[in-house]
N, C-alpha and C. Protein backbone atom coordinates (compact mmCIF):
# COMPACT_ATOMS: atom_id res chain seq x y z
N MET A 1 87.13 -55.02 94.34
CA MET A 1 86.82 -54.01 94.63
C MET A 1 86.01 -53.87 96.08
N THR A 2 85.99 -52.92 96.46
CA THR A 2 86.01 -52.36 97.97
C THR A 2 84.39 -52.14 98.24
N PRO A 3 83.94 -53.00 99.24
CA PRO A 3 82.36 -52.54 99.33
C PRO A 3 82.07 -51.16 100.19
N ARG A 4 80.38 -50.53 98.98
CA ARG A 4 80.67 -48.89 99.62
C ARG A 4 79.06 -49.19 100.13
N CYS A 5 79.65 -47.94 101.11
CA CYS A 5 79.26 -47.44 101.85
C CYS A 5 77.52 -47.99 102.78
N GLN A 6 77.03 -48.42 102.43
CA GLN A 6 75.97 -48.99 102.95
C GLN A 6 74.60 -48.18 103.84
N PHE A 7 75.54 -46.75 104.46
CA PHE A 7 74.32 -45.77 105.04
C PHE A 7 73.36 -45.04 104.48
N ASP A 8 73.84 -45.19 102.98
CA ASP A 8 72.65 -44.43 102.13
C ASP A 8 71.43 -44.80 101.78
N THR A 9 70.84 -46.11 102.16
CA THR A 9 70.05 -46.83 102.15
C THR A 9 69.49 -47.29 103.42
N PHE A 10 69.01 -46.12 104.11
CA PHE A 10 68.23 -46.10 105.57
C PHE A 10 66.78 -45.93 105.23
N CYS A 11 66.06 -47.11 106.05
CA CYS A 11 64.44 -46.90 106.00
C CYS A 11 64.02 -46.58 104.31
N GLY A 12 64.57 -47.41 103.59
CA GLY A 12 64.28 -46.52 102.28
C GLY A 12 64.83 -45.54 101.70
N VAL A 13 65.14 -44.69 102.25
CA VAL A 13 65.76 -43.37 101.79
C VAL A 13 66.35 -43.00 101.33
N ARG A 14 66.83 -42.70 100.19
CA ARG A 14 68.29 -43.18 99.72
C ARG A 14 68.80 -41.31 99.51
N LEU A 15 69.80 -40.91 99.85
CA LEU A 15 70.30 -39.96 100.37
C LEU A 15 71.06 -39.58 98.48
N THR A 16 71.70 -38.22 98.20
CA THR A 16 71.82 -38.49 97.50
C THR A 16 73.55 -38.31 97.57
N LYS A 17 74.34 -38.57 96.18
CA LYS A 17 75.63 -39.26 96.00
C LYS A 17 76.67 -37.83 97.01
N PHE A 18 76.47 -36.61 96.61
CA PHE A 18 77.19 -35.79 97.33
C PHE A 18 76.77 -36.47 98.85
N THR A 19 75.46 -36.35 99.23
CA THR A 19 75.90 -36.22 101.02
C THR A 19 76.45 -37.94 100.91
N ASP A 20 76.22 -38.72 100.55
CA ASP A 20 76.69 -40.16 101.23
C ASP A 20 78.63 -39.47 100.84
N LEU A 21 78.44 -39.53 100.31
CA LEU A 21 80.55 -39.10 100.33
C LEU A 21 80.95 -37.94 101.22
N ALA A 22 79.91 -37.18 101.30
CA ALA A 22 80.53 -35.83 102.32
C ALA A 22 80.22 -36.84 103.66
N LEU A 23 79.67 -37.32 103.75
CA LEU A 23 79.65 -38.48 105.40
C LEU A 23 80.60 -39.36 105.24
N ARG A 24 80.78 -39.56 104.13
CA ARG A 24 82.60 -40.43 104.00
C ARG A 24 83.46 -40.09 103.95
N VAL A 25 83.65 -38.82 104.24
CA VAL A 25 84.96 -38.04 104.11
C VAL A 25 84.53 -36.82 105.84
N THR A 26 83.69 -37.07 106.23
CA THR A 26 83.76 -36.84 107.02
C THR A 26 84.06 -38.10 108.62
N MET A 27 83.77 -39.13 107.79
CA MET A 27 84.12 -40.23 108.82
C MET A 27 85.65 -40.42 108.54
N ARG A 28 86.00 -40.23 107.50
CA ARG A 28 87.95 -40.33 107.16
C ARG A 28 88.40 -39.62 107.84
N LEU A 29 87.68 -38.39 107.64
CA LEU A 29 88.61 -37.56 108.67
C LEU A 29 88.44 -37.62 110.46
N ALA A 30 87.45 -37.71 111.05
CA ALA A 30 86.76 -37.44 112.07
C ALA A 30 87.97 -39.06 112.39
N VAL A 31 88.37 -40.12 111.89
CA VAL A 31 88.62 -41.26 112.99
C VAL A 31 90.28 -41.29 113.02
N MET A 32 90.86 -40.14 112.38
CA MET A 32 92.47 -39.78 112.19
C MET A 32 93.27 -38.97 113.57
N ASP A 33 92.23 -38.51 114.45
CA ASP A 33 92.78 -38.85 116.03
C ASP A 33 94.36 -37.16 116.02
N GLY A 34 94.67 -37.03 115.23
CA GLY A 34 94.79 -35.67 115.00
C GLY A 34 97.08 -36.42 115.23
N ALA A 35 96.93 -37.05 114.87
CA ALA A 35 98.20 -38.13 115.36
C ALA A 35 98.76 -38.02 113.90
N GLU A 36 98.10 -38.29 113.09
CA GLU A 36 99.14 -38.12 111.43
C GLU A 36 99.09 -36.98 111.11
N GLU A 37 99.87 -36.75 109.67
CA GLU A 37 99.75 -35.87 108.81
C GLU A 37 98.36 -35.26 108.04
N LEU A 38 97.97 -33.98 107.94
CA LEU A 38 96.86 -34.03 107.40
C LEU A 38 97.17 -34.23 106.51
N PRO A 39 95.36 -34.68 105.18
CA PRO A 39 95.73 -35.41 103.94
C PRO A 39 95.06 -34.57 103.51
N THR A 40 94.86 -34.02 102.15
CA THR A 40 94.99 -33.55 101.40
C THR A 40 93.64 -34.42 100.73
N SER A 41 93.32 -32.61 99.81
CA SER A 41 92.71 -33.69 99.61
C SER A 41 92.01 -35.09 98.27
N LYS A 42 93.34 -34.47 97.40
CA LYS A 42 93.48 -35.90 96.28
C LYS A 42 93.35 -37.43 97.87
N GLN A 43 94.51 -36.60 98.82
CA GLN A 43 94.58 -38.09 99.07
C GLN A 43 93.06 -38.42 99.78
N VAL A 44 92.34 -38.20 99.81
CA VAL A 44 91.36 -38.18 100.64
C VAL A 44 90.56 -38.85 99.85
N ALA A 45 90.42 -38.27 98.62
CA ALA A 45 88.95 -39.32 97.57
C ALA A 45 89.72 -40.02 97.25
N ALA A 46 91.15 -40.48 97.23
CA ALA A 46 91.86 -41.71 96.72
C ALA A 46 91.30 -42.74 97.62
N SER A 47 91.31 -42.14 98.78
CA SER A 47 90.82 -43.75 99.61
C SER A 47 89.39 -43.87 100.27
N VAL A 48 88.49 -43.03 99.94
CA VAL A 48 87.17 -43.21 99.80
C VAL A 48 86.46 -43.56 98.48
N ALA A 49 87.53 -43.87 97.54
CA ALA A 49 87.35 -43.97 96.14
C ALA A 49 86.17 -43.36 95.22
N ALA A 50 86.43 -41.92 95.25
CA ALA A 50 86.03 -40.87 95.13
C ALA A 50 86.01 -39.81 94.35
N PRO A 51 85.73 -39.42 92.79
CA PRO A 51 87.44 -38.42 92.38
C PRO A 51 87.24 -37.48 92.71
N TYR A 52 88.22 -36.67 92.42
CA TYR A 52 89.54 -35.81 93.52
C TYR A 52 87.86 -34.14 92.78
N THR A 53 87.69 -33.88 92.09
CA THR A 53 86.49 -33.02 91.74
C THR A 53 85.19 -33.19 93.12
N HIS A 54 84.72 -34.36 93.19
CA HIS A 54 83.73 -34.21 93.59
C HIS A 54 84.13 -34.24 95.05
N VAL A 55 85.41 -34.54 95.56
CA VAL A 55 85.75 -34.82 97.04
C VAL A 55 85.75 -32.79 97.28
N ALA A 56 86.44 -32.60 96.05
CA ALA A 56 86.87 -30.62 96.40
C ALA A 56 85.48 -29.80 96.63
N LYS A 57 84.69 -30.29 95.92
CA LYS A 57 82.82 -30.13 96.08
C LYS A 57 82.65 -30.21 98.21
N VAL A 58 82.69 -31.26 97.80
CA VAL A 58 81.90 -31.63 99.12
C VAL A 58 83.19 -30.83 100.77
N VAL A 59 84.05 -30.91 100.14
CA VAL A 59 85.40 -30.47 101.12
C VAL A 59 84.62 -28.46 101.22
N SER A 60 84.65 -28.02 100.27
CA SER A 60 84.23 -26.66 100.47
C SER A 60 83.00 -26.11 101.41
N ARG A 61 81.91 -27.13 100.85
CA ARG A 61 80.61 -27.34 101.75
C ARG A 61 80.76 -28.02 102.92
N LEU A 62 81.60 -29.41 103.92
CA LEU A 62 82.25 -29.32 104.61
C LEU A 62 82.72 -28.04 105.47
N GLN A 63 83.23 -27.33 104.63
CA GLN A 63 84.14 -26.38 105.56
C GLN A 63 83.31 -24.90 105.27
N HIS A 64 81.94 -24.95 104.80
CA HIS A 64 81.45 -23.67 105.08
C HIS A 64 80.31 -24.22 106.13
N LEU A 65 79.88 -25.39 106.47
CA LEU A 65 79.47 -25.37 107.89
C LEU A 65 80.11 -25.63 108.78
N GLY A 66 81.73 -25.97 108.98
CA GLY A 66 82.04 -26.17 110.09
C GLY A 66 83.10 -27.16 110.53
N VAL A 67 82.57 -28.46 109.77
CA VAL A 67 82.47 -29.71 110.17
C VAL A 67 84.47 -29.40 109.14
N LEU A 68 85.02 -29.63 109.00
CA LEU A 68 86.31 -29.19 108.81
C LEU A 68 87.13 -27.99 108.41
N GLU A 69 88.12 -28.26 108.75
CA GLU A 69 89.29 -26.98 108.24
C GLU A 69 89.98 -27.24 106.93
N THR A 70 90.77 -26.14 106.58
CA THR A 70 91.48 -26.67 105.67
C THR A 70 92.49 -25.90 105.51
N ARG A 71 93.77 -25.98 105.71
CA ARG A 71 95.34 -25.58 105.07
C ARG A 71 95.55 -25.67 103.88
N ARG A 72 95.95 -24.10 103.24
CA ARG A 72 97.34 -24.56 102.69
C ARG A 72 98.57 -25.00 102.83
N GLY A 73 99.59 -24.82 101.22
CA GLY A 73 100.77 -24.50 101.64
C GLY A 73 101.87 -25.88 101.82
N ARG A 74 103.02 -25.95 103.05
CA ARG A 74 103.32 -27.23 103.72
C ARG A 74 102.55 -27.38 105.04
N GLY A 75 102.81 -28.22 104.71
CA GLY A 75 102.13 -28.56 106.27
C GLY A 75 100.56 -28.60 106.56
N GLY A 76 100.01 -28.17 105.35
CA GLY A 76 98.92 -28.24 105.12
C GLY A 76 97.55 -29.28 104.63
N GLY A 77 96.05 -29.01 104.84
CA GLY A 77 95.65 -30.45 104.43
C GLY A 77 94.34 -30.09 105.35
N LEU A 78 93.23 -31.07 105.57
CA LEU A 78 92.39 -31.36 105.57
C LEU A 78 92.36 -31.33 107.08
N GLU A 79 91.30 -31.10 108.10
CA GLU A 79 90.90 -31.48 109.80
C GLU A 79 89.93 -31.44 110.05
N ILE A 80 89.03 -31.93 110.86
CA ILE A 80 87.93 -32.22 110.89
C ILE A 80 87.95 -30.95 112.60
N THR A 81 87.01 -30.39 111.98
CA THR A 81 86.58 -29.60 113.51
C THR A 81 86.23 -30.25 114.94
N GLY A 82 86.08 -29.72 116.20
CA GLY A 82 85.52 -30.06 117.16
C GLY A 82 84.40 -30.44 116.90
N ALA A 83 83.95 -29.01 116.45
CA ALA A 83 82.05 -29.48 116.12
C ALA A 83 81.67 -30.37 115.12
N GLY A 84 82.96 -30.89 114.31
CA GLY A 84 82.52 -31.42 113.44
C GLY A 84 82.30 -33.09 113.48
N ARG A 85 83.07 -33.00 114.69
CA ARG A 85 83.19 -34.53 115.03
C ARG A 85 82.10 -34.81 116.20
N ASP A 86 81.79 -33.50 116.32
CA ASP A 86 80.44 -34.04 118.06
C ASP A 86 79.09 -33.22 117.28
N ALA A 87 79.39 -33.35 116.13
CA ALA A 87 77.69 -33.00 115.31
C ALA A 87 77.06 -33.88 114.89
N SER A 88 75.54 -33.81 114.42
CA SER A 88 74.45 -34.55 114.59
C SER A 88 74.69 -35.14 113.53
N VAL A 89 74.64 -36.96 113.22
CA VAL A 89 73.95 -36.65 111.61
C VAL A 89 73.05 -36.24 111.23
N GLY A 90 71.33 -36.19 112.28
CA GLY A 90 70.75 -35.76 111.59
C GLY A 90 70.95 -34.02 110.98
N TRP A 91 71.93 -33.46 112.05
CA TRP A 91 72.04 -31.74 111.35
C TRP A 91 72.69 -31.89 109.75
N LEU A 92 74.10 -32.37 110.17
CA LEU A 92 74.62 -32.79 108.74
C LEU A 92 73.43 -33.06 107.47
N VAL A 93 73.08 -34.22 107.82
CA VAL A 93 72.62 -34.63 106.41
C VAL A 93 70.96 -33.53 106.16
N ARG A 94 70.50 -33.00 107.47
CA ARG A 94 69.67 -31.78 107.28
C ARG A 94 70.38 -30.66 106.24
N HIS A 95 71.69 -30.69 106.18
CA HIS A 95 72.61 -28.78 106.09
C HIS A 95 72.51 -29.34 104.54
N LEU A 96 72.78 -31.18 104.37
CA LEU A 96 73.56 -31.41 103.06
C LEU A 96 72.33 -31.71 101.95
N GLU A 97 71.06 -32.38 102.55
CA GLU A 97 70.16 -32.92 102.17
C GLU A 97 69.46 -31.46 101.99
N GLY A 98 68.71 -30.44 102.27
CA GLY A 98 67.96 -29.62 102.97
C GLY A 98 65.89 -30.21 102.98
N THR A 99 65.65 -29.07 103.16
CA THR A 99 64.56 -30.04 103.86
C THR A 99 63.04 -29.69 102.73
N ASP A 100 63.34 -29.47 101.74
CA ASP A 100 62.90 -29.37 100.40
C ASP A 100 61.72 -30.40 100.66
N ASP A 101 60.12 -30.45 100.01
CA ASP A 101 59.71 -31.12 99.75
C ASP A 101 59.91 -32.38 99.23
N VAL A 102 59.60 -33.56 99.49
CA VAL A 102 59.99 -34.47 98.82
C VAL A 102 59.54 -35.24 96.76
N VAL A 103 57.98 -34.53 97.12
CA VAL A 103 57.52 -34.79 96.15
C VAL A 103 58.00 -33.04 95.21
N GLY A 104 57.51 -33.16 94.37
CA GLY A 104 57.38 -32.04 93.28
C GLY A 104 56.21 -31.32 93.69
N CYS A 105 54.75 -31.15 94.07
CA CYS A 105 54.03 -30.69 94.21
C CYS A 105 53.35 -29.43 93.62
N ASP A 106 54.62 -28.34 93.78
CA ASP A 106 54.10 -26.63 93.02
C ASP A 106 55.75 -27.26 91.49
N ASP A 107 55.83 -27.81 91.15
CA ASP A 107 56.69 -28.04 90.06
C ASP A 107 55.82 -27.56 88.57
N GLN A 108 56.51 -27.37 87.95
CA GLN A 108 55.46 -26.85 86.47
C GLN A 108 55.64 -28.21 85.46
N PRO A 109 54.37 -28.50 85.20
CA PRO A 109 53.56 -27.57 85.62
C PRO A 109 52.58 -28.83 87.27
N PRO A 110 52.12 -27.62 87.97
CA PRO A 110 52.24 -28.37 89.40
C PRO A 110 51.23 -29.33 89.93
N CYS A 111 51.03 -30.27 90.27
CA CYS A 111 50.70 -31.86 90.47
C CYS A 111 49.12 -30.60 90.43
N PRO A 112 48.23 -31.66 89.42
CA PRO A 112 46.35 -31.28 89.37
C PRO A 112 46.21 -31.86 91.31
N LEU A 113 46.88 -32.77 92.30
CA LEU A 113 46.21 -33.33 92.83
C LEU A 113 46.64 -32.06 94.61
N ARG A 114 47.71 -31.37 94.31
CA ARG A 114 48.32 -30.68 95.77
C ARG A 114 46.48 -29.85 96.08
N GLY A 115 45.90 -29.79 95.59
CA GLY A 115 44.95 -28.68 96.70
C GLY A 115 43.65 -30.03 97.56
N GLY A 116 44.45 -30.76 97.66
CA GLY A 116 43.19 -31.60 98.58
C GLY A 116 44.21 -33.44 98.75
N CYS A 117 45.56 -33.75 98.09
CA CYS A 117 46.00 -34.17 98.55
C CYS A 117 47.00 -34.25 99.45
N ARG A 118 46.61 -35.65 100.60
CA ARG A 118 47.25 -35.66 101.83
C ARG A 118 48.78 -36.29 101.99
N LEU A 119 49.50 -37.11 100.60
CA LEU A 119 50.31 -37.56 100.71
C LEU A 119 51.78 -36.52 100.96
N ARG A 120 51.75 -34.81 100.02
CA ARG A 120 52.51 -33.71 100.79
C ARG A 120 53.12 -33.94 102.11
N LEU A 121 52.07 -34.08 103.54
CA LEU A 121 52.07 -33.94 104.46
C LEU A 121 52.71 -35.27 105.22
N ALA A 122 52.14 -35.99 104.91
CA ALA A 122 52.59 -37.69 104.54
C ALA A 122 54.02 -38.08 104.84
N LEU A 123 54.53 -37.33 103.82
CA LEU A 123 56.14 -37.98 102.68
C LEU A 123 56.92 -36.61 103.83
N ARG A 124 56.65 -34.91 104.05
CA ARG A 124 57.43 -34.58 104.47
C ARG A 124 57.53 -34.32 106.17
N GLU A 125 56.55 -35.23 107.07
CA GLU A 125 56.59 -35.93 108.23
C GLU A 125 57.40 -36.61 108.15
N ALA A 126 57.42 -38.10 107.47
CA ALA A 126 57.89 -39.41 107.01
C ALA A 126 59.75 -38.71 107.27
N GLN A 127 59.97 -37.44 106.08
CA GLN A 127 60.90 -36.74 105.67
C GLN A 127 61.87 -36.31 107.45
N GLU A 128 60.98 -35.72 107.91
CA GLU A 128 62.14 -35.60 109.84
C GLU A 128 61.86 -35.95 110.63
N ALA A 129 61.12 -37.59 110.34
CA ALA A 129 61.28 -38.94 111.36
C ALA A 129 62.48 -39.37 110.48
N PHE A 130 62.22 -39.47 109.98
CA PHE A 130 64.87 -39.75 109.44
C PHE A 130 65.74 -38.84 109.40
N TYR A 131 65.23 -37.48 109.21
CA TYR A 131 65.91 -37.07 109.90
C TYR A 131 66.66 -37.58 112.06
N SER A 132 65.27 -37.12 112.09
CA SER A 132 65.50 -36.98 113.83
C SER A 132 65.76 -38.08 114.49
N SER A 133 65.53 -39.38 113.12
CA SER A 133 66.52 -40.63 113.74
C SER A 133 67.61 -40.63 113.73
N LEU A 134 68.43 -40.21 113.36
CA LEU A 134 69.37 -39.74 112.94
C LEU A 134 70.50 -38.65 114.16
N ASP A 135 69.64 -37.82 114.67
CA ASP A 135 69.99 -36.41 115.42
C ASP A 135 70.67 -37.15 116.19
N PRO A 136 70.39 -38.25 117.32
CA PRO A 136 71.22 -39.10 118.48
C PRO A 136 72.04 -38.96 118.08
N LEU A 137 73.04 -39.79 117.03
CA LEU A 137 74.14 -40.48 116.20
C LEU A 137 74.93 -39.17 116.06
N THR A 138 75.58 -38.71 116.44
CA THR A 138 77.20 -38.11 116.23
C THR A 138 78.55 -38.94 115.18
N VAL A 139 79.30 -38.16 114.81
CA VAL A 139 79.38 -38.40 113.95
C VAL A 139 80.55 -39.13 114.90
N ARG A 140 81.48 -38.57 115.98
CA ARG A 140 81.89 -39.48 116.98
C ARG A 140 82.01 -41.14 116.40
N ASP A 141 79.86 -41.01 116.88
CA ASP A 141 79.12 -42.34 117.07
C ASP A 141 79.83 -43.18 115.85
N LEU A 142 79.85 -42.57 114.64
CA LEU A 142 80.03 -43.46 113.69
C LEU A 142 81.76 -43.92 113.16
N VAL A 143 82.52 -43.30 113.52
CA VAL A 143 83.78 -43.54 113.59
C VAL A 143 84.13 -44.52 114.76
N GLY A 144 83.76 -45.25 115.95
CA GLY A 144 83.59 -46.18 117.19
C GLY A 144 83.60 -47.30 116.11
N GLY A 145 83.46 -48.48 117.28
CA GLY A 145 83.39 -49.51 117.43
C GLY A 145 83.84 -50.20 116.02
N SER A 146 83.07 -51.21 115.96
CA SER A 146 83.74 -52.11 114.55
C SER A 146 83.92 -51.24 113.57
N SER A 147 83.18 -49.70 113.11
CA SER A 147 83.88 -48.83 111.82
C SER A 147 85.28 -48.67 111.71
N LYS A 148 85.73 -48.25 113.54
CA LYS A 148 87.24 -47.74 113.30
C LYS A 148 88.31 -48.88 112.89
N PRO A 149 88.13 -50.31 112.67
CA PRO A 149 89.39 -50.87 112.08
C PRO A 149 89.03 -50.53 110.57
N VAL A 150 87.71 -50.85 109.98
CA VAL A 150 87.82 -50.27 108.78
C VAL A 150 88.69 -49.34 108.31
N LEU A 151 87.83 -48.10 108.76
CA LEU A 151 87.99 -46.62 108.39
C LEU A 151 90.07 -46.46 108.39
N LEU A 152 90.49 -46.99 109.54
CA LEU A 152 91.67 -47.37 109.49
C LEU A 152 92.72 -48.00 108.67
N GLN A 153 91.72 -48.76 107.60
CA GLN A 153 92.24 -49.64 106.98
C GLN A 153 92.36 -47.76 105.79
N LEU A 154 91.18 -47.84 105.60
CA LEU A 154 91.49 -47.22 104.47
C LEU A 154 92.22 -45.89 105.14
N LEU A 155 93.32 -45.71 105.38
CA LEU A 155 93.76 -44.76 105.85
C LEU A 155 95.82 -44.90 105.67
N ALA A 156 95.79 -46.73 105.52
CA ALA A 156 97.04 -47.45 105.53
C ALA A 156 97.16 -47.56 103.93
N SER A 157 95.37 -47.78 103.07
CA SER A 157 95.82 -48.22 102.10
C SER A 157 94.84 -48.01 101.56
N PRO A 158 94.63 -46.74 100.41
CA PRO A 158 93.74 -46.52 99.74
C PRO A 158 93.75 -47.54 98.53
N PRO A 159 92.14 -47.65 98.46
CA PRO A 159 91.64 -48.00 97.23
C PRO A 159 92.07 -47.56 95.94
N ALA A 160 92.74 -48.72 95.13
CA ALA A 160 93.27 -48.09 93.72
C ALA A 160 92.73 -47.94 92.76
């Protein structure tokens, strides 16, 4: 069994599976250095051990954010953009996760403590601290160092 990326459990915060997958897809494309043939969404899905349908949704969102480009037809595939390679991980996670409140104080029915509760503000500040801690890190940083050989291995032999 291929070990799962542990990036989704940082400081006790758990990212959505969508964000985890988007980061894996982005890293997979960022390590390519433009030398190889562009991979298809199906090839990327196989290499990051995720269902094609999920990867297709992630690719659409990342394309909308300007992180990657898609090309159709012969010679087509997926390619990370320069902006995607230099994107702040904090920026990317904010756009994928959103900045909504961590707790649903205004859900229906609304929390009866919302008028005098200090927890909501504390959680909002903690959420921003989490994102801020990721701001200095770029996608380029994620695919360097000891991560690069692991990512390159995914290119050579996607998991079964």
